[in-house]
């Protein structure tokens, strides 16, 4: 499927993963991207399949479903979102869930091989890609009841000083009692 290069570049510019890159760098990132059209209810990938690509949604909606033990979790991703985070791993890991188009959906596909090449060409991408992968793996391993079906996490971080105090306070109390 053909997509205007300007649309691809606009999506990449809007994505936090690529904030450290220049417009010239984004042109190089866009080179290996392939566009695909998926029909409503068409499966993009299955749970436990090989994670061979990372996807950006140009238009449409994608449902992600994870089957774990006796429960099924579902999340909806829309235009400007990404999915297929397992492909960001340095060593291959299986898909944690199934991705299905909820409507006619255009996705931009970045293969694992292209991701590896981009990591080597742009070392500044290593940290944001690792952050996205680690956040995703944490989010799918823990049930986050407060998230609605159309809400999703792109990355998880703990930078607020209150969390630091919560971690350090028990250490100060124990050390203070030991003195």
Foldseek 3Di string as FASTA:
>chain_A
DDDDLVLQLVLLCPDPLCVVDDSVLSVVLSVQKDKDKDAAFDWPDAFQAKLFKKKAWQAAKKKKWADDDPDIAIAIDGHSDIDSLQLLDPDIDTHRTIITTRHTTMMIIQTSVNNVVSCVVDVSSNVLSVQQSVQVVVPVVDPDPVDDRHDDDRGDDDDDVVVVCVVCVVVCVVVVVVD
